[in-house]
Amino acid sequence: MKKLAKQISEKDNVATCVADLKKGETVTVRLHGQESQYVAAEDIPFGHKIALEQINAGDSIVKYGTVIGEASQQIMKGEWVHCHNCLDTYEVK
């Protein structure tokens, strides 16, 4: 069965996994009818984010085309993006 993740905007550097991923599994990310494959660098739970590119400490985490946080450490492509490696900087105004 193909594992999928959703990328909402071409600006996003993360995608949301729609199934649990195990380290080493390939996930297909869909955006505007195009598909790209990524390999999970670690286990990633359903509903959590996978990095689509290397994100350096201090860089923005972008989801829905909007900055939702900041990397607290370097995050490699394929790694799980969650509160252990990013800071919430999202503010509703």
PDB file of N, CA and C in Angstrom:
ATOM      1  N   MET A   1       0.839  -1.188   0.000  1.00  0.00           N
ATOM      2  CA  MET A   1       0.000   0.000   0.000  1.00  0.00           C
ATOM      3  C   MET A   1       0.884   1.251   0.000  1.00  0.00           C
ATOM      4  N   LYS A   2       0.563   2.200  -0.871  1.00  0.00           N
ATOM      5  CA  LYS A   2       1.323   3.445  -0.970  1.00  0.00           C
ATOM      6  C   LYS A   2       1.027   4.318   0.248  1.00  0.00           C
ATOM      7  N   LYS A   3       2.091   4.809   0.908  1.00  0.00           N
ATOM      8  CA  LYS A   3       1.952   5.742   2.027  1.00  0.00           C
ATOM      9  C   LYS A   3       1.949   7.151   1.456  1.00  0.00           C
ATOM     10  N   LEU A   4       1.052   8.002   1.973  1.00  0.00           N
ATOM     11  CA  LEU A   4       0.887   9.346   1.435  1.00  0.00           C
ATOM     12  C   LEU A   4       1.119  10.417   2.490  1.00  0.00           C
ATOM     13  N   ALA A   5       1.494  11.600   2.013  1.00  0.00           N
ATOM     14  CA  ALA A   5       1.583  12.801   2.845  1.00  0.00           C
ATOM     15  C   ALA A   5       1.066  13.961   2.011  1.00  0.00           C
ATOM     16  N   LYS A   6       0.463  14.949   2.678  1.00  0.00           N
ATOM     17  CA  LYS A   6      -0.133  16.087   1.980  1.00  0.00           C
ATOM     18  C   LYS A   6       0.718  17.332   2.150  1.00  0.00           C
ATOM     19  N   GLN A   7       1.032  17.928   1.017  1.00  0.00           N
ATOM     20  CA  GLN A   7       1.667  19.238   0.973  1.00  0.00           C
ATOM     21  C   GLN A   7       0.602  20.176   0.434  1.00  0.00           C
ATOM     22  N   ILE A   8       0.355  21.284   1.103  1.00  0.00           N
ATOM     23  CA  ILE A   8      -0.732  22.182   0.734  1.00  0.00           C
ATOM     24  C   ILE A   8      -0.270  23.281  -0.227  1.00  0.00           C
ATOM     25  N   SER A   9       0.920  23.815   0.006  1.00  0.00           N
ATOM     26  CA  SER A   9       1.430  24.938  -0.781  1.00  0.00           C
ATOM     27  C   SER A   9       2.827  24.622  -1.296  1.00  0.00           C
ATOM     28  N   GLU A  10       3.158  25.166  -2.457  1.00  0.00           N
ATOM     29  CA  GLU A  10       4.514  24.986  -2.975  1.00  0.00           C
ATOM     30  C   GLU A  10       5.546  25.651  -2.072  1.00  0.00           C
ATOM     31  N   LYS A  11       5.126  26.544  -1.186  1.00  0.00           N
ATOM     32  CA  LYS A  11       6.030  27.192  -0.229  1.00  0.00           C
ATOM     33  C   LYS A  11       6.373  26.294   0.952  1.00  0.00           C
ATOM     34  N   ASP A  12       5.570  25.243   1.179  1.00  0.00           N
ATOM     35  CA  ASP A  12       5.745  24.386   2.358  1.00  0.00           C
ATOM     36  C   ASP A  12       7.077  23.641   2.323  1.00  0.00           C
ATOM     37  N   ASN A  13       7.724  23.551   3.487  1.00  0.00           N
ATOM     38  CA  ASN A  13       8.921  22.715   3.601  1.00  0.00           C
ATOM     39  C   ASN A  13       8.653  21.482   4.459  1.00  0.00           C
ATOM     40  N   VAL A  14       7.364  21.254   4.778  1.00  0.00           N
ATOM     41  CA  VAL A  14       6.923  20.048   5.479  1.00  0.00           C
ATOM     42  C   VAL A  14       5.636  19.558   4.818  1.00  0.00           C
ATOM     43  N   ALA A  15       5.344  18.274   5.032  1.00  0.00           N
ATOM     44  CA  ALA A  15       4.087  17.691   4.574  1.00  0.00           C
ATOM     45  C   ALA A  15       3.515  16.876   5.734  1.00  0.00           C
ATOM     46  N   THR A  16       2.192  16.729   5.762  1.00  0.00           N
ATOM     47  CA  THR A  16       1.516  15.997   6.825  1.00  0.00           C
ATOM     48  C   THR A  16       1.287  14.550   6.387  1.00  0.00           C
ATOM     49  N   CYS A  17       1.753  13.611   7.203  1.00  0.00           N
ATOM     50  CA  CYS A  17       1.610  12.183   6.905  1.00  0.00           C
ATOM     51  C   CYS A  17       0.183  11.734   7.192  1.00  0.00           C
ATOM     52  N   VAL A  18      -0.415  11.017   6.264  1.00  0.00           N
ATOM     53  CA  VAL A  18      -1.779  10.533   6.439  1.00  0.00           C
ATOM     54  C   VAL A  18      -1.805   9.042   6.788  1.00  0.00           C
ATOM     55  N   ALA A  19      -0.649   8.540   7.195  1.00  0.00           N
ATOM     56  CA  ALA A  19      -0.510   7.184   7.733  1.00  0.00           C
ATOM     57  C   ALA A  19       0.754   7.154   8.577  1.00  0.00           C
ATOM     58  N   ASP A  20       0.819   6.226   9.523  1.00  0.00           N
ATOM     59  CA  ASP A  20       2.052   6.042  10.277  1.00  0.00           C
ATOM     60  C   ASP A  20       3.166   5.641   9.314  1.00  0.00           C
ATOM     61  N   LEU A  21       4.355   6.204   9.504  1.00  0.00           N
ATOM     62  CA  LEU A  21       5.521   5.836   8.707  1.00  0.00           C
ATOM     63  C   LEU A  21       6.562   5.203   9.606  1.00  0.00           C
ATOM     64  N   LYS A  22       7.189   4.172   9.112  1.00  0.00           N
ATOM     65  CA  LYS A  22       8.319   3.549   9.788  1.00  0.00           C
ATOM     66  C   LYS A  22       9.602   4.015   9.114  1.00  0.00           C
ATOM     67  N   LYS A  23      10.655   4.094   9.908  1.00  0.00           N
ATOM     68  CA  LYS A  23      11.957   4.493   9.373  1.00  0.00           C
ATOM     69  C   LYS A  23      12.278   3.654   8.136  1.00  0.00           C
ATOM     70  N   GLY A  24      12.690   4.336   7.065  1.00  0.00           N
ATOM     71  CA  GLY A  24      13.067   3.662   5.828  1.00  0.00           C
ATOM     72  C   GLY A  24      11.937   3.497   4.829  1.00  0.00           C
ATOM     73  N   GLU A  25      10.699   3.733   5.250  1.00  0.00           N
ATOM     74  CA  GLU A  25       9.577   3.621   4.321  1.00  0.00           C
ATOM     75  C   GLU A  25       9.533   4.837   3.397  1.00  0.00           C
ATOM     76  N   THR A  26       9.050   4.611   2.195  1.00  0.00           N
ATOM     77  CA  THR A  26       8.880   5.685   1.222  1.00  0.00           C
ATOM     78  C   THR A  26       7.471   6.249   1.355  1.00  0.00           C
ATOM     79  N   VAL A  27       7.386   7.566   1.325  1.00  0.00           N
ATOM     80  CA  VAL A  27       6.091   8.250   1.357  1.00  0.00           C
ATOM     81  C   VAL A  27       5.970   9.091   0.091  1.00  0.00           C
ATOM     82  N   THR A  28       4.785   9.099  -0.464  1.00  0.00           N
ATOM     83  CA  THR A  28       4.502   9.886  -1.663  1.00  0.00           C
ATOM     84  C   THR A  28       3.795  11.166  -1.250  1.00  0.00           C
ATOM     85  N   VAL A  29       4.340  12.286  -1.668  1.00  0.00           N
ATOM     86  CA  VAL A  29       3.771  13.598  -1.367  1.00  0.00           C
ATOM     87  C   VAL A  29       3.134  14.131  -2.644  1.00  0.00           C
ATOM     88  N   ARG A  30       1.881  14.530  -2.513  1.00  0.00           N
ATOM     89  CA  ARG A  30       1.141  15.061  -3.666  1.00  0.00           C
ATOM     90  C   ARG A  30       0.944  16.563  -3.530  1.00  0.00           C
ATOM     91  N   LEU A  31       1.144  17.257  -4.651  1.00  0.00           N
ATOM     92  CA  LEU A  31       0.903  18.700  -4.701  1.00  0.00           C
ATOM     93  C   LEU A  31       0.525  19.055  -6.127  1.00  0.00           C
ATOM     94  N   HIS A  32      -0.667  19.606  -6.307  1.00  0.00           N
ATOM     95  CA  HIS A  32      -1.141  20.057  -7.627  1.00  0.00           C
ATOM     96  C   HIS A  32      -1.000  18.975  -8.701  1.00  0.00           C
ATOM     97  N   GLY A  33      -1.357  17.745  -8.353  1.00  0.00           N
ATOM     98  CA  GLY A  33      -1.321  16.652  -9.311  1.00  0.00           C
ATOM     99  C   GLY A  33       0.043  16.037  -9.542  1.00  0.00           C
ATOM    100  N   GLN A  34       1.064  16.575  -8.920  1.00  0.00           N
ATOM    101  CA  GLN A  34       2.419  16.033  -9.046  1.00  0.00           C
ATOM    102  C   GLN A  34       2.744  15.208  -7.803  1.00  0.00           C
ATOM    103  N   GLU A  35       3.548  14.171  -7.972  1.00  0.00           N
ATOM    104  CA  GLU A  35       3.958  13.327  -6.853  1.00  0.00           C
ATOM    105  C   GLU A  35       5.472  13.330  -6.712  1.00  0.00           C
ATOM    106  N   SER A  36       5.944  13.357  -5.470  1.00  0.00           N
ATOM    107  CA  SER A  36       7.363  13.243  -5.149  1.00  0.00           C
ATOM    108  C   SER A  36       7.496  12.203  -4.051  1.00  0.00           C
ATOM    109  N   GLN A  37       8.603  11.479  -4.044  1.00  0.00           N
ATOM    110  CA  GLN A  37       8.826  10.465  -3.020  1.00  0.00           C
ATOM    111  C   GLN A  37       9.925  10.916  -2.045  1.00  0.00           C
ATOM    112  N   TYR A  38       9.710  10.581  -0.786  1.00  0.00           N
ATOM    113  CA  TYR A  38      10.658  10.869   0.289  1.00  0.00           C
ATOM    114  C   TYR A  38      10.797   9.615   1.126  1.00  0.00           C
ATOM    115  N   VAL A  39      11.946   9.451   1.765  1.00  0.00           N
ATOM    116  CA  VAL A  39      12.180   8.311   2.644  1.00  0.00           C
ATOM    117  C   VAL A  39      12.175   8.819   4.081  1.00  0.00           C
ATOM    118  N   ALA A  40      11.364   8.170   4.914  1.00  0.00           N
ATOM    119  CA  ALA A  40      11.290   8.557   6.324  1.00  0.00           C
ATOM    120  C   ALA A  40      12.611   8.219   7.017  1.00  0.00           C
ATOM    121  N   ALA A  41      13.233   9.213   7.616  1.00  0.00           N
ATOM    122  CA  ALA A  41      14.504   9.024   8.314  1.00  0.00           C
ATOM    123  C   ALA A  41      14.299   8.443   9.709  1.00  0.00           C
ATOM    124  N   GLU A  42      13.053   8.443  10.162  1.00  0.00           N
ATOM    125  CA  GLU A  42      12.695   7.898  11.479  1.00  0.00           C
ATOM    126  C   GLU A  42      11.200   7.610  11.462  1.00  0.00           C
ATOM    127  N   ASP A  43      10.707   6.944  12.490  1.00  0.00           N
ATOM    128  CA  ASP A  43       9.268   6.703  12.592  1.00  0.00           C
ATOM    129  C   ASP A  43       8.547   8.043  12.710  1.00  0.00           C
ATOM    130  N   ILE A  44       7.445   8.198  11.965  1.00  0.00           N
ATOM    131  CA  ILE A  44       6.654   9.426  12.002  1.00  0.00           C
ATOM    132  C   ILE A  44       5.189   9.026  12.154  1.00  0.00           C
ATOM    133  N   PRO A  45       4.528   9.484  13.225  1.00  0.00           N
ATOM    134  CA  PRO A  45       3.126   9.106  13.441  1.00  0.00           C
ATOM    135  C   PRO A  45       2.158   9.788  12.466  1.00  0.00           C
ATOM    136  N   PHE A  46       1.031   9.134  12.262  1.00  0.00           N
ATOM    137  CA  PHE A  46      -0.075   9.690  11.474  1.00  0.00           C
ATOM    138  C   PHE A  46      -0.382  11.112  11.946  1.00  0.00           C
ATOM    139  N   GLY A  47      -0.584  12.017  11.006  1.00  0.00           N
ATOM    140  CA  GLY A  47      -0.958  13.391  11.323  1.00  0.00           C
ATOM    141  C   GLY A  47       0.211  14.298  11.656  1.00  0.00           C
ATOM    142  N   HIS A  48       1.422  13.747  11.689  1.00  0.00           N
ATOM    143  CA  HIS A  48       2.595  14.556  12.000  1.00  0.00           C
ATOM    144  C   HIS A  48       3.325  14.921  10.715  1.00  0.00           C
ATOM    145  N   LYS A  49       4.321  15.793  10.821  1.00  0.00           N
ATOM    146  CA  LYS A  49       4.976  16.362   9.650  1.00  0.00           C
ATOM    147  C   LYS A  49       6.310  15.682   9.338  1.00  0.00           C
ATOM    148  N   ILE A  50       6.586  15.594   8.031  1.00  0.00           N
ATOM    149  CA  ILE A  50       7.875  15.124   7.531  1.00  0.00           C
ATOM    150  C   ILE A  50       8.547  16.302   6.823  1.00  0.00           C
ATOM    151  N   ALA A  51       9.857  16.456   7.043  1.00  0.00           N
ATOM    152  CA  ALA A  51      10.614  17.526   6.389  1.00  0.00           C
ATOM    153  C   ALA A  51      10.825  17.188   4.919  1.00  0.00           C
ATOM    154  N   LEU A  52      10.515  18.127   4.042  1.00  0.00           N
ATOM    155  CA  LEU A  52      10.672  17.938   2.599  1.00  0.00           C
ATOM    156  C   LEU A  52      12.036  18.404   2.105  1.00  0.00           C
ATOM    157  N   GLU A  53      12.780  19.046   2.977  1.00  0.00           N
ATOM    158  CA  GLU A  53      14.117  19.551   2.655  1.00  0.00           C
ATOM    159  C   GLU A  53      14.864  19.735   3.965  1.00  0.00           C
ATOM    160  N   GLN A  54      16.159  19.973   3.872  1.00  0.00           N
ATOM    161  CA  GLN A  54      16.915  20.280   5.085  1.00  0.00           C
ATOM    162  C   GLN A  54      16.455  21.634   5.607  1.00  0.00           C
ATOM    163  N   ILE A  55      16.208  21.688   6.915  1.00  0.00           N
ATOM    164  CA  ILE A  55      15.791  22.928   7.573  1.00  0.00           C
ATOM    165  C   ILE A  55      16.818  23.192   8.669  1.00  0.00           C
ATOM    166  N   ASN A  56      17.503  24.310   8.586  1.00  0.00           N
ATOM    167  CA  ASN A  56      18.550  24.626   9.557  1.00  0.00           C
ATOM    168  C   ASN A  56      17.967  25.259  10.813  1.00  0.00           C
ATOM    169  N   ALA A  57      18.696  25.159  11.915  1.00  0.00           N
ATOM    170  CA  ALA A  57      18.282  25.794  13.165  1.00  0.00           C
ATOM    171  C   ALA A  57      18.021  27.269  12.911  1.00  0.00           C
ATOM    172  N   GLY A  58      16.864  27.747  13.375  1.00  0.00           N
ATOM    173  CA  GLY A  58      16.478  29.141  13.177  1.00  0.00           C
ATOM    174  C   GLY A  58      15.648  29.381  11.934  1.00  0.00           C
ATOM    175  N   ASP A  59      15.630  28.415  11.010  1.00  0.00           N
ATOM    176  CA  ASP A  59      14.822  28.555   9.789  1.00  0.00           C
ATOM    177  C   ASP A  59      13.337  28.380  10.110  1.00  0.00           C
ATOM    178  N   SER A  60      12.507  28.947   9.279  1.00  0.00           N
ATOM    179  CA  SER A  60      11.059  28.841   9.439  1.00  0.00           C
ATOM    180  C   SER A  60      10.556  27.464   9.029  1.00  0.00           C
ATOM    181  N   ILE A  61       9.549  26.983   9.762  1.00  0.00           N
ATOM    182  CA  ILE A  61       8.785  25.798   9.383  1.00  0.00           C
ATOM    183  C   ILE A  61       7.545  26.343   8.672  1.00  0.00           C
ATOM    184  N   VAL A  62       7.329  25.931   7.418  1.00  0.00           N
ATOM    185  CA  VAL A  62       6.246  26.479   6.612  1.00  0.00           C
ATOM    186  C   VAL A  62       5.259  25.362   6.264  1.00  0.00           C
ATOM    187  N   LYS A  63       3.996  25.579   6.646  1.00  0.00           N
ATOM    188  CA  LYS A  63       2.893  24.673   6.346  1.00  0.00           C
ATOM    189  C   LYS A  63       1.714  25.544   5.941  1.00  0.00           C
ATOM    190  N   TYR A  64       0.923  25.101   4.982  1.00  0.00           N
ATOM    191  CA  TYR A  64      -0.196  25.890   4.450  1.00  0.00           C
ATOM    192  C   TYR A  64       0.293  27.194   3.830  1.00  0.00           C
ATOM    193  N   GLY A  65       1.583  27.257   3.450  1.00  0.00           N
ATOM    194  CA  GLY A  65       2.148  28.472   2.886  1.00  0.00           C
ATOM    195  C   GLY A  65       2.418  29.542   3.924  1.00  0.00           C
ATOM    196  N   THR A  66       2.308  29.174   5.213  1.00  0.00           N
ATOM    197  CA  THR A  66       2.442  30.116   6.327  1.00  0.00           C
ATOM    198  C   THR A  66       3.497  29.609   7.305  1.00  0.00           C
ATOM    199  N   VAL A  67       4.264  30.506   7.880  1.00  0.00           N
ATOM    200  CA  VAL A  67       5.231  30.123   8.905  1.00  0.00           C
ATOM    201  C   VAL A  67       4.463  29.689  10.149  1.00  0.00           C
ATOM    202  N   ILE A  68       4.700  28.451  10.597  1.00  0.00           N
ATOM    203  CA  ILE A  68       4.028  27.933  11.794  1.00  0.00           C
ATOM    204  C   ILE A  68       4.996  27.696  12.942  1.00  0.00           C
ATOM    205  N   GLY A  69       6.288  27.883  12.678  1.00  0.00           N
ATOM    206  CA  GLY A  69       7.274  27.657  13.727  1.00  0.00           C
ATOM    207  C   GLY A  69       8.671  27.919  13.215  1.00  0.00           C
ATOM    208  N   GLU A  70       9.626  27.598  14.097  1.00  0.00           N
ATOM    209  CA  GLU A  70      11.037  27.798  13.799  1.00  0.00           C
ATOM    210  C   GLU A  70      11.798  26.562  14.246  1.00  0.00           C
ATOM    211  N   ALA A  71      12.713  26.110  13.424  1.00  0.00           N
ATOM    212  CA  ALA A  71      13.518  24.939  13.784  1.00  0.00           C
ATOM    213  C   ALA A  71      14.424  25.270  14.970  1.00  0.00           C
ATOM    214  N   SER A  72      14.380  24.444  16.006  1.00  0.00           N
ATOM    215  CA  SER A  72      15.237  24.645  17.176  1.00  0.00           C
ATOM    216  C   SER A  72      16.583  23.947  17.003  1.00  0.00           C
ATOM    217  N   GLN A  73      16.676  23.124  15.952  1.00  0.00           N
ATOM    218  CA  GLN A  73      17.914  22.420  15.616  1.00  0.00           C
ATOM    219  C   GLN A  73      17.840  22.073  14.132  1.00  0.00           C
ATOM    220  N   GLN A  74      18.927  21.581  13.584  1.00  0.00           N
ATOM    221  CA  GLN A  74      18.907  21.186  12.179  1.00  0.00           C
ATOM    222  C   GLN A  74      17.971  19.987  12.010  1.00  0.00           C
ATOM    223  N   ILE A  75      17.143  20.041  10.982  1.00  0.00           N
ATOM    224  CA  ILE A  75      16.216  18.961  10.650  1.00  0.00           C
ATOM    225  C   ILE A  75      16.552  18.517   9.229  1.00  0.00           C
ATOM    226  N   MET A  76      16.877  17.254   9.079  1.00  0.00           N
ATOM    227  CA  MET A  76      17.251  16.737   7.771  1.00  0.00           C
ATOM    228  C   MET A  76      16.017  16.310   6.983  1.00  0.00           C
ATOM    229  N   LYS A  77      16.131  16.325   5.682  1.00  0.00           N
ATOM    230  CA  LYS A  77      15.068  15.864   4.785  1.00  0.00           C
ATOM    231  C   LYS A  77      14.638  14.463   5.221  1.00  0.00           C
ATOM    232  N   GLY A  78      13.320  14.264   5.363  1.00  0.00           N
ATOM    233  CA  GLY A  78      12.787  12.965   5.761  1.00  0.00           C
ATOM    234  C   GLY A  78      12.591  12.781   7.251  1.00  0.00           C
ATOM    235  N   GLU A  79      13.054  13.747   8.054  1.00  0.00           N
ATOM    236  CA  GLU A  79      12.901  13.616   9.509  1.00  0.00           C
ATOM    237  C   GLU A  79      11.533  14.099   9.979  1.00  0.00           C
ATOM    238  N   TRP A  80      11.158  13.624  11.140  1.00  0.00           N
ATOM    239  CA  TRP A  80       9.924  13.983  11.818  1.00  0.00           C
ATOM    240  C   TRP A  80      10.061  15.413  12.322  1.00  0.00           C
ATOM    241  N   VAL A  81       9.101  16.261  12.026  1.00  0.00           N
ATOM    242  CA  VAL A  81       9.080  17.652  12.490  1.00  0.00           C
ATOM    243  C   VAL A  81       7.973  17.761  13.525  1.00  0.00           C
ATOM    244  N   HIS A  82       8.368  18.061  14.754  1.00  0.00           N
ATOM    245  CA  HIS A  82       7.412  18.144  15.868  1.00  0.00           C
ATOM    246  C   HIS A  82       8.043  18.987  16.972  1.00  0.00           C
ATOM    247  N   CYS A  83       7.426  19.012  18.134  1.00  0.00           N
ATOM    248  CA  CYS A  83       7.862  19.919  19.206  1.00  0.00           C
ATOM    249  C   CYS A  83       9.265  19.605  19.742  1.00  0.00           C
ATOM    250  N   HIS A  84       9.824  18.448  19.437  1.00  0.00           N
ATOM    251  CA  HIS A  84      11.178  18.128  19.886  1.00  0.00           C
ATOM    252  C   HIS A  84      12.250  18.845  19.062  1.00  0.00           C
ATOM    253  N   ASN A  85      11.874  19.365  17.894  1.00  0.00           N
ATOM    254  CA  ASN A  85      12.890  20.035  17.054  1.00  0.00           C
ATOM    255  C   ASN A  85      12.398  21.345  16.439  1.00  0.00           C
ATOM    256  N   CYS A  86      11.268  21.849  16.927  1.00  0.00           N
ATOM    257  CA  CYS A  86      10.811  23.159  16.457  1.00  0.00           C
ATOM    258  C   CYS A  86      10.084  23.914  17.574  1.00  0.00           C
ATOM    259  N   LEU A  87      10.071  25.210  17.422  1.00  0.00           N
ATOM    260  CA  LEU A  87       9.415  26.099  18.369  1.00  0.00           C
ATOM    261  C   LEU A  87       8.181  26.693  17.715  1.00  0.00           C
ATOM    262  N   ASP A  88       7.101  26.780  18.455  1.00  0.00           N
ATOM    263  CA  ASP A  88       5.868  27.368  17.955  1.00  0.00           C
ATOM    264  C   ASP A  88       6.016  28.880  17.929  1.00  0.00           C
ATOM    265  N   THR A  89       5.929  29.467  16.762  1.00  0.00           N
ATOM    266  CA  THR A  89       5.988  30.934  16.648  1.00  0.00           C
ATOM    267  C   THR A  89       4.738  31.480  15.991  1.00  0.00           C
ATOM    268  N   TYR A  90       3.752  30.612  15.791  1.00  0.00           N
ATOM    269  CA  TYR A  90       2.514  31.011  15.109  1.00  0.00           C
ATOM    270  C   TYR A  90       1.666  31.867  16.031  1.00  0.00           C
ATOM    271  N   GLU A  91       1.259  33.009  15.551  1.00  0.00           N
ATOM    272  CA  GLU A  91       0.423  33.915  16.322  1.00  0.00           C
ATOM    273  C   GLU A  91      -0.769  34.338  15.466  1.00  0.00           C
ATOM    274  N   VAL A  92      -1.936  34.231  16.027  1.00  0.00           N
ATOM    275  CA  VAL A  92      -3.130  34.691  15.327  1.00  0.00           C
ATOM    276  C   VAL A  92      -3.310  36.160  15.646  1.00  0.00           C
ATOM    277  N   LYS A  93      -3.478  36.977  14.625  1.00  0.00           N
ATOM    278  CA  LYS A  93      -3.617  38.418  14.836  1.00  0.00           C
ATOM    279  C   LYS A  93      -4.961  38.880  14.355  1.00  0.00           C
TER     280      LYS A  93
END
